[in-house]
Amino acid sequence: MEARTRRELVRGAAVSAAGAAALSWPGGAAAQAAPAETDTELLGRTLRTEQLVVVAYRQALASGVLSPPVARAVREILGQELTHVATLDRELSMRGAQPAEPPRDVVAAQRGFAAHHMYTSLTNLHSQNACLKLLIDVETVAESAYLEAIAKLADARLVRLSAEIMGAEAQHWTALSSVRHHGDVMMSVPYPFVGGST
């Protein structure tokens, strides 16, 4: 038995989901229910989610309520999210697709998150705790978007890329939760380890 980190667990879940999707594909009910999205469409959808994530991080930073150390950490994570956006932009351009424009304003971004069933306010950020809750919710949306894409992508290289980015999102979630719960591991990551054979 070997203890694995949350990041490894998320990556393992992603690979398992992709494998399960591949095994159930022929003649499956899901396959008959709707036409499969192309890799380009899946990348475009994931990019739109990342663009929403960037808006949320910028809103948290603009709130002015983050302590200097927390603001530095949030800026660092925002830099990584911008790298994700640039990576997806590049992948779409390589496929001859026009990347989607980011949300025009905060109202459009709020509607975008509502489509993901996330209703945390992007503007009611009057405390550091409210900002951290927003960003944790946002990272949950991002992880879910990548997990869904991984289960449907046909290109193995894109599956790997998406799993790597999803692992980064899981790290962001954990870091933000740790700050919100003042380093209390049991509160920050209720289930940090899983036992399993190698």
C-alpha atoms as a PDB file:
ATOM      1  CA  MET A   1       0.000   0.000   0.000  1.00  0.00           C
ATOM      2  CA  GLU A   2       1.185   3.506  -0.754  1.00  0.00           C
ATOM      3  CA  ALA A   3      -0.180   6.870   0.303  1.00  0.00           C
ATOM      4  CA  ARG A   4      -0.763   9.164  -2.633  1.00  0.00           C
ATOM      5  CA  THR A   5      -1.170  12.928  -2.680  1.00  0.00           C
ATOM      6  CA  ARG A   6      -4.408  14.638  -3.644  1.00  0.00           C
ATOM      7  CA  ARG A   7      -2.790  15.729  -6.910  1.00  0.00           C
ATOM      8  CA  GLU A   8      -1.885  12.147  -7.774  1.00  0.00           C
ATOM      9  CA  LEU A   9      -5.404  11.072  -6.861  1.00  0.00           C
ATOM     10  CA  VAL A  10      -6.933  13.666  -9.179  1.00  0.00           C
ATOM     11  CA  ARG A  11      -4.614  12.617 -11.999  1.00  0.00           C
ATOM     12  CA  GLY A  12      -5.440   8.954 -11.381  1.00  0.00           C
ATOM     13  CA  ALA A  13      -9.139   9.735 -11.448  1.00  0.00           C
ATOM     14  CA  ALA A  14      -8.703  11.558 -14.727  1.00  0.00           C
ATOM     15  CA  VAL A  15      -6.875   8.662 -16.332  1.00  0.00           C
ATOM     16  CA  SER A  16      -9.476   6.217 -14.984  1.00  0.00           C
ATOM     17  CA  ALA A  17     -12.300   8.353 -16.369  1.00  0.00           C
ATOM     18  CA  ALA A  18     -10.641   8.475 -19.754  1.00  0.00           C
ATOM     19  CA  GLY A  19     -10.175   4.715 -19.726  1.00  0.00           C
ATOM     20  CA  ALA A  20     -13.751   4.099 -18.676  1.00  0.00           C
ATOM     21  CA  ALA A  21     -15.015   6.363 -21.429  1.00  0.00           C
ATOM     22  CA  ALA A  22     -12.930   4.523 -23.988  1.00  0.00           C
ATOM     23  CA  LEU A  23     -14.156   1.119 -22.801  1.00  0.00           C
ATOM     24  CA  SER A  24     -17.804   2.122 -22.807  1.00  0.00           C
ATOM     25  CA  TRP A  25     -17.713   3.934 -26.154  1.00  0.00           C
ATOM     26  CA  PRO A  26     -18.867   1.249 -28.656  1.00  0.00           C
ATOM     27  CA  GLY A  27     -22.633   1.194 -28.703  1.00  0.00           C
ATOM     28  CA  GLY A  28     -22.886   3.003 -25.365  1.00  0.00           C
ATOM     29  CA  ALA A  29     -26.028   4.915 -24.459  1.00  0.00           C
ATOM     30  CA  ALA A  30     -24.076   8.161 -24.160  1.00  0.00           C
ATOM     31  CA  ALA A  31     -22.691   7.671 -27.666  1.00  0.00           C
ATOM     32  CA  GLN A  32     -26.217   7.297 -29.056  1.00  0.00           C
ATOM     33  CA  ALA A  33     -27.661  10.193 -27.053  1.00  0.00           C
ATOM     34  CA  ALA A  34     -25.623  12.976 -28.662  1.00  0.00           C
ATOM     35  CA  PRO A  35     -22.837  13.402 -31.192  1.00  0.00           C
ATOM     36  CA  ALA A  36     -19.381  13.447 -29.645  1.00  0.00           C
ATOM     37  CA  GLU A  37     -17.645  16.785 -29.290  1.00  0.00           C
ATOM     38  CA  THR A  38     -14.460  17.179 -31.269  1.00  0.00           C
ATOM     39  CA  ASP A  39     -11.147  17.776 -29.528  1.00  0.00           C
ATOM     40  CA  THR A  40     -11.242  21.337 -30.853  1.00  0.00           C
ATOM     41  CA  GLU A  41     -14.677  21.921 -29.309  1.00  0.00           C
ATOM     42  CA  LEU A  42     -13.529  20.439 -25.994  1.00  0.00           C
ATOM     43  CA  LEU A  43     -10.431  22.636 -25.951  1.00  0.00           C
ATOM     44  CA  GLY A  44     -12.565  25.686 -26.735  1.00  0.00           C
ATOM     45  CA  ARG A  45     -14.909  24.909 -23.850  1.00  0.00           C
ATOM     46  CA  THR A  46     -11.997  24.407 -21.457  1.00  0.00           C
ATOM     47  CA  LEU A  47     -10.443  27.680 -22.607  1.00  0.00           C
ATOM     48  CA  ARG A  48     -13.684  29.532 -21.867  1.00  0.00           C
ATOM     49  CA  THR A  49     -13.591  28.100 -18.335  1.00  0.00           C
ATOM     50  CA  GLU A  50      -9.975  29.221 -17.877  1.00  0.00           C
ATOM     51  CA  GLN A  51     -10.930  32.710 -19.038  1.00  0.00           C
ATOM     52  CA  LEU A  52     -13.578  32.810 -16.308  1.00  0.00           C
ATOM     53  CA  VAL A  53     -10.985  31.675 -13.761  1.00  0.00           C
ATOM     54  CA  VAL A  54      -8.714  34.573 -14.749  1.00  0.00           C
ATOM     55  CA  VAL A  55     -11.555  37.064 -14.198  1.00  0.00           C
ATOM     56  CA  ALA A  56     -12.170  35.683 -10.703  1.00  0.00           C
ATOM     57  CA  TYR A  57      -8.503  35.960  -9.715  1.00  0.00           C
ATOM     58  CA  ARG A  58      -8.345  39.533 -11.005  1.00  0.00           C
ATOM     59  CA  GLN A  59     -11.481  40.397  -9.038  1.00  0.00           C
ATOM     60  CA  ALA A  60      -9.986  38.978  -5.851  1.00  0.00           C
ATOM     61  CA  LEU A  61      -6.797  40.987  -6.344  1.00  0.00           C
ATOM     62  CA  ALA A  62      -8.743  44.171  -7.168  1.00  0.00           C
ATOM     63  CA  SER A  63     -10.818  43.838  -3.979  1.00  0.00           C
ATOM     64  CA  GLY A  64      -7.967  45.254  -1.893  1.00  0.00           C
ATOM     65  CA  VAL A  65      -8.778  43.004   1.070  1.00  0.00           C
ATOM     66  CA  LEU A  66      -6.034  40.414   0.653  1.00  0.00           C
ATOM     67  CA  SER A  67      -3.057  40.568   2.995  1.00  0.00           C
ATOM     68  CA  PRO A  68       0.278  41.112   1.200  1.00  0.00           C
ATOM     69  CA  PRO A  69       1.409  37.449   1.515  1.00  0.00           C
ATOM     70  CA  VAL A  70      -1.952  36.142   0.280  1.00  0.00           C
ATOM     71  CA  ALA A  71      -2.024  38.676  -2.554  1.00  0.00           C
ATOM     72  CA  ARG A  72       1.446  37.495  -3.650  1.00  0.00           C
ATOM     73  CA  ALA A  73       0.272  33.875  -3.681  1.00  0.00           C
ATOM     74  CA  VAL A  74      -2.873  34.790  -5.617  1.00  0.00           C
ATOM     75  CA  ARG A  75      -0.821  36.739  -8.179  1.00  0.00           C
ATOM     76  CA  GLU A  76       1.451  33.721  -8.609  1.00  0.00           C
ATOM     77  CA  ILE A  77      -1.515  31.426  -9.207  1.00  0.00           C
ATOM     78  CA  LEU A  78      -3.010  33.959 -11.629  1.00  0.00           C
ATOM     79  CA  GLY A  79       0.251  33.814 -13.582  1.00  0.00           C
ATOM     80  CA  GLN A  80      -0.150  30.047 -13.893  1.00  0.00           C
ATOM     81  CA  GLU A  81      -3.771  30.429 -15.005  1.00  0.00           C
ATOM     82  CA  LEU A  82      -2.659  32.871 -17.702  1.00  0.00           C
ATOM     83  CA  THR A  83      -0.140  30.246 -18.847  1.00  0.00           C
ATOM     84  CA  HIS A  84      -3.008  27.744 -19.103  1.00  0.00           C
ATOM     85  CA  VAL A  85      -4.962  30.221 -21.232  1.00  0.00           C
ATOM     86  CA  ALA A  86      -1.966  30.791 -23.521  1.00  0.00           C
ATOM     87  CA  THR A  87      -1.405  27.038 -23.858  1.00  0.00           C
ATOM     88  CA  LEU A  88      -5.028  26.378 -24.842  1.00  0.00           C
ATOM     89  CA  ASP A  89      -4.970  29.372 -27.211  1.00  0.00           C
ATOM     90  CA  ARG A  90      -1.918  27.888 -28.912  1.00  0.00           C
ATOM     91  CA  GLU A  91      -3.479  24.436 -29.199  1.00  0.00           C
ATOM     92  CA  LEU A  92      -6.600  25.889 -30.780  1.00  0.00           C
ATOM     93  CA  SER A  93      -4.585  28.014 -33.191  1.00  0.00           C
ATOM     94  CA  MET A  94      -2.641  24.910 -34.259  1.00  0.00           C
ATOM     95  CA  ARG A  95      -6.002  23.400 -35.220  1.00  0.00           C
ATOM     96  CA  GLY A  96      -7.005  26.452 -37.235  1.00  0.00           C
ATOM     97  CA  ALA A  97      -9.644  27.458 -34.697  1.00  0.00           C
ATOM     98  CA  GLN A  98     -10.288  30.986 -33.506  1.00  0.00           C
ATOM     99  CA  PRO A  99     -10.016  31.078 -29.686  1.00  0.00           C
ATOM    100  CA  ALA A 100     -13.014  32.538 -27.909  1.00  0.00           C
ATOM    101  CA  GLU A 101     -12.848  36.087 -26.621  1.00  0.00           C
ATOM    102  CA  PRO A 102     -12.767  36.400 -22.807  1.00  0.00           C
ATOM    103  CA  PRO A 103     -15.902  37.647 -21.014  1.00  0.00           C
ATOM    104  CA  ARG A 104     -16.619  41.314 -21.811  1.00  0.00           C
ATOM    105  CA  ASP A 105     -17.221  42.219 -18.170  1.00  0.00           C
ATOM    106  CA  VAL A 106     -17.855  40.858 -14.692  1.00  0.00           C
ATOM    107  CA  VAL A 107     -21.567  40.395 -15.383  1.00  0.00           C
ATOM    108  CA  ALA A 108     -20.771  38.159 -18.364  1.00  0.00           C
ATOM    109  CA  ALA A 109     -18.268  36.224 -16.252  1.00  0.00           C
ATOM    110  CA  GLN A 110     -20.873  35.759 -13.509  1.00  0.00           C
ATOM    111  CA  ARG A 111     -23.263  34.316 -16.122  1.00  0.00           C
ATOM    112  CA  GLY A 112     -20.481  32.035 -17.309  1.00  0.00           C
ATOM    113  CA  PHE A 113     -19.951  30.654 -13.826  1.00  0.00           C
ATOM    114  CA  ALA A 114     -23.714  30.234 -13.351  1.00  0.00           C
ATOM    115  CA  ALA A 115     -23.661  27.931 -16.387  1.00  0.00           C
ATOM    116  CA  HIS A 116     -21.277  25.783 -14.304  1.00  0.00           C
ATOM    117  CA  HIS A 117     -23.706  25.958 -11.340  1.00  0.00           C
ATOM    118  CA  MET A 118     -21.376  28.256  -9.405  1.00  0.00           C
ATOM    119  CA  TYR A 119     -23.146  31.274  -7.945  1.00  0.00           C
ATOM    120  CA  THR A 120     -20.501  32.763  -5.628  1.00  0.00           C
ATOM    121  CA  SER A 121     -20.432  36.525  -6.212  1.00  0.00           C
ATOM    122  CA  LEU A 122     -17.538  38.010  -8.152  1.00  0.00           C
ATOM    123  CA  THR A 123     -18.208  41.445  -6.664  1.00  0.00           C
ATOM    124  CA  ASN A 124     -19.270  40.882  -3.045  1.00  0.00           C
ATOM    125  CA  LEU A 125     -15.661  40.476  -1.907  1.00  0.00           C
ATOM    126  CA  HIS A 126     -15.438  42.438   1.328  1.00  0.00           C
ATOM    127  CA  SER A 127     -13.107  40.102   3.196  1.00  0.00           C
ATOM    128  CA  GLN A 128     -10.125  37.889   2.526  1.00  0.00           C
ATOM    129  CA  ASN A 129     -12.217  34.865   3.479  1.00  0.00           C
ATOM    130  CA  ALA A 130     -14.820  35.765   0.826  1.00  0.00           C
ATOM    131  CA  CYS A 131     -12.076  36.032  -1.791  1.00  0.00           C
ATOM    132  CA  LEU A 132     -10.575  32.692  -0.815  1.00  0.00           C
ATOM    133  CA  LYS A 133     -13.991  31.002  -0.891  1.00  0.00           C
ATOM    134  CA  LEU A 134     -14.570  32.415  -4.375  1.00  0.00           C
ATOM    135  CA  LEU A 135     -11.208  31.161  -5.651  1.00  0.00           C
ATOM    136  CA  ILE A 136     -11.680  27.705  -4.115  1.00  0.00           C
ATOM    137  CA  ASP A 137     -15.084  27.465  -5.814  1.00  0.00           C
ATOM    138  CA  VAL A 138     -13.507  28.630  -9.069  1.00  0.00           C
ATOM    139  CA  GLU A 139     -10.783  25.988  -8.854  1.00  0.00           C
ATOM    140  CA  THR A 140     -13.466  23.344  -8.321  1.00  0.00           C
ATOM    141  CA  VAL A 141     -15.117  24.482 -11.566  1.00  0.00           C
ATOM    142  CA  ALA A 142     -11.766  24.321 -13.370  1.00  0.00           C
ATOM    143  CA  GLU A 143     -10.972  20.817 -12.103  1.00  0.00           C
ATOM    144  CA  SER A 144     -14.407  19.609 -13.185  1.00  0.00           C
ATOM    145  CA  ALA A 145     -13.984  21.120 -16.655  1.00  0.00           C
ATOM    146  CA  TYR A 146     -10.680  19.334 -17.201  1.00  0.00           C
ATOM    147  CA  LEU A 147     -11.984  16.047 -15.808  1.00  0.00           C
ATOM    148  CA  GLU A 148     -14.907  16.184 -18.231  1.00  0.00           C
ATOM    149  CA  ALA A 149     -12.617  17.020 -21.146  1.00  0.00           C
ATOM    150  CA  ILE A 150     -10.199  14.210 -20.293  1.00  0.00           C
ATOM    151  CA  ALA A 151     -13.018  11.676 -20.434  1.00  0.00           C
ATOM    152  CA  LYS A 152     -13.888  12.760 -23.988  1.00  0.00           C
ATOM    153  CA  LEU A 153     -10.637  13.814 -25.698  1.00  0.00           C
ATOM    154  CA  ALA A 154      -9.440  11.500 -28.470  1.00  0.00           C
ATOM    155  CA  ASP A 155      -5.855  12.805 -28.752  1.00  0.00           C
ATOM    156  CA  ALA A 156      -3.681  11.129 -26.097  1.00  0.00           C
ATOM    157  CA  ARG A 157      -1.352  14.137 -26.028  1.00  0.00           C
ATOM    158  CA  LEU A 158      -4.258  16.414 -25.145  1.00  0.00           C
ATOM    159  CA  VAL A 159      -5.412  13.974 -22.465  1.00  0.00           C
ATOM    160  CA  ARG A 160      -1.970  14.216 -20.884  1.00  0.00           C
ATOM    161  CA  LEU A 161      -1.852  18.007 -21.187  1.00  0.00           C
ATOM    162  CA  SER A 162      -5.298  18.337 -19.622  1.00  0.00           C
ATOM    163  CA  ALA A 163      -4.366  15.982 -16.777  1.00  0.00           C
ATOM    164  CA  GLU A 164      -1.256  18.047 -16.069  1.00  0.00           C
ATOM    165  CA  ILE A 165      -3.238  21.289 -15.982  1.00  0.00           C
ATOM    166  CA  MET A 166      -5.923  19.688 -13.827  1.00  0.00           C
ATOM    167  CA  GLY A 167      -3.181  18.620 -11.405  1.00  0.00           C
ATOM    168  CA  ALA A 168      -2.087  22.261 -11.196  1.00  0.00           C
ATOM    169  CA  GLU A 169      -5.676  23.333 -10.503  1.00  0.00           C
ATOM    170  CA  ALA A 170      -5.862  20.760  -7.706  1.00  0.00           C
ATOM    171  CA  GLN A 171      -2.680  22.209  -6.207  1.00  0.00           C
ATOM    172  CA  HIS A 172      -4.191  25.695  -6.378  1.00  0.00           C
ATOM    173  CA  TRP A 173      -7.336  24.445  -4.615  1.00  0.00           C
ATOM    174  CA  THR A 174      -5.265  22.868  -1.846  1.00  0.00           C
ATOM    175  CA  ALA A 175      -3.028  25.918  -1.365  1.00  0.00           C
ATOM    176  CA  LEU A 176      -6.009  28.289  -1.178  1.00  0.00           C
ATOM    177  CA  SER A 177      -7.874  26.004   1.213  1.00  0.00           C
ATOM    178  CA  SER A 178      -4.802  25.818   3.432  1.00  0.00           C
ATOM    179  CA  VAL A 179      -4.627  29.622   3.635  1.00  0.00           C
ATOM    180  CA  ARG A 180      -8.363  29.879   4.304  1.00  0.00           C
ATOM    181  CA  HIS A 181      -8.129  27.350   7.143  1.00  0.00           C
ATOM    182  CA  HIS A 182      -4.893  28.778   8.569  1.00  0.00           C
ATOM    183  CA  GLY A 183      -2.839  25.691   7.763  1.00  0.00           C
ATOM    184  CA  ASP A 184      -5.181  23.253   9.538  1.00  0.00           C
ATOM    185  CA  VAL A 185      -4.575  20.200   7.359  1.00  0.00           C
ATOM    186  CA  MET A 186      -7.703  18.343   8.443  1.00  0.00           C
ATOM    187  CA  MET A 187      -9.862  21.328   7.519  1.00  0.00           C
ATOM    188  CA  SER A 188      -7.883  22.273   4.407  1.00  0.00           C
ATOM    189  CA  VAL A 189      -7.858  18.835   2.802  1.00  0.00           C
ATOM    190  CA  PRO A 190     -10.345  16.544   4.577  1.00  0.00           C
ATOM    191  CA  TYR A 191      -9.186  13.489   2.549  1.00  0.00           C
ATOM    192  CA  PRO A 192      -5.534  14.137   1.645  1.00  0.00           C
ATOM    193  CA  PHE A 193      -4.456  10.527   1.175  1.00  0.00           C
ATOM    194  CA  VAL A 194      -5.776   7.359  -0.360  1.00  0.00           C
ATOM    195  CA  GLY A 195      -4.409   3.874   0.107  1.00  0.00           C
ATOM    196  CA  GLY A 196      -3.739   1.809  -2.956  1.00  0.00           C
ATOM    197  CA  SER A 197      -1.422  -0.757  -4.462  1.00  0.00           C
ATOM    198  CA  THR A 198       1.300   0.282  -6.875  1.00  0.00           C
END
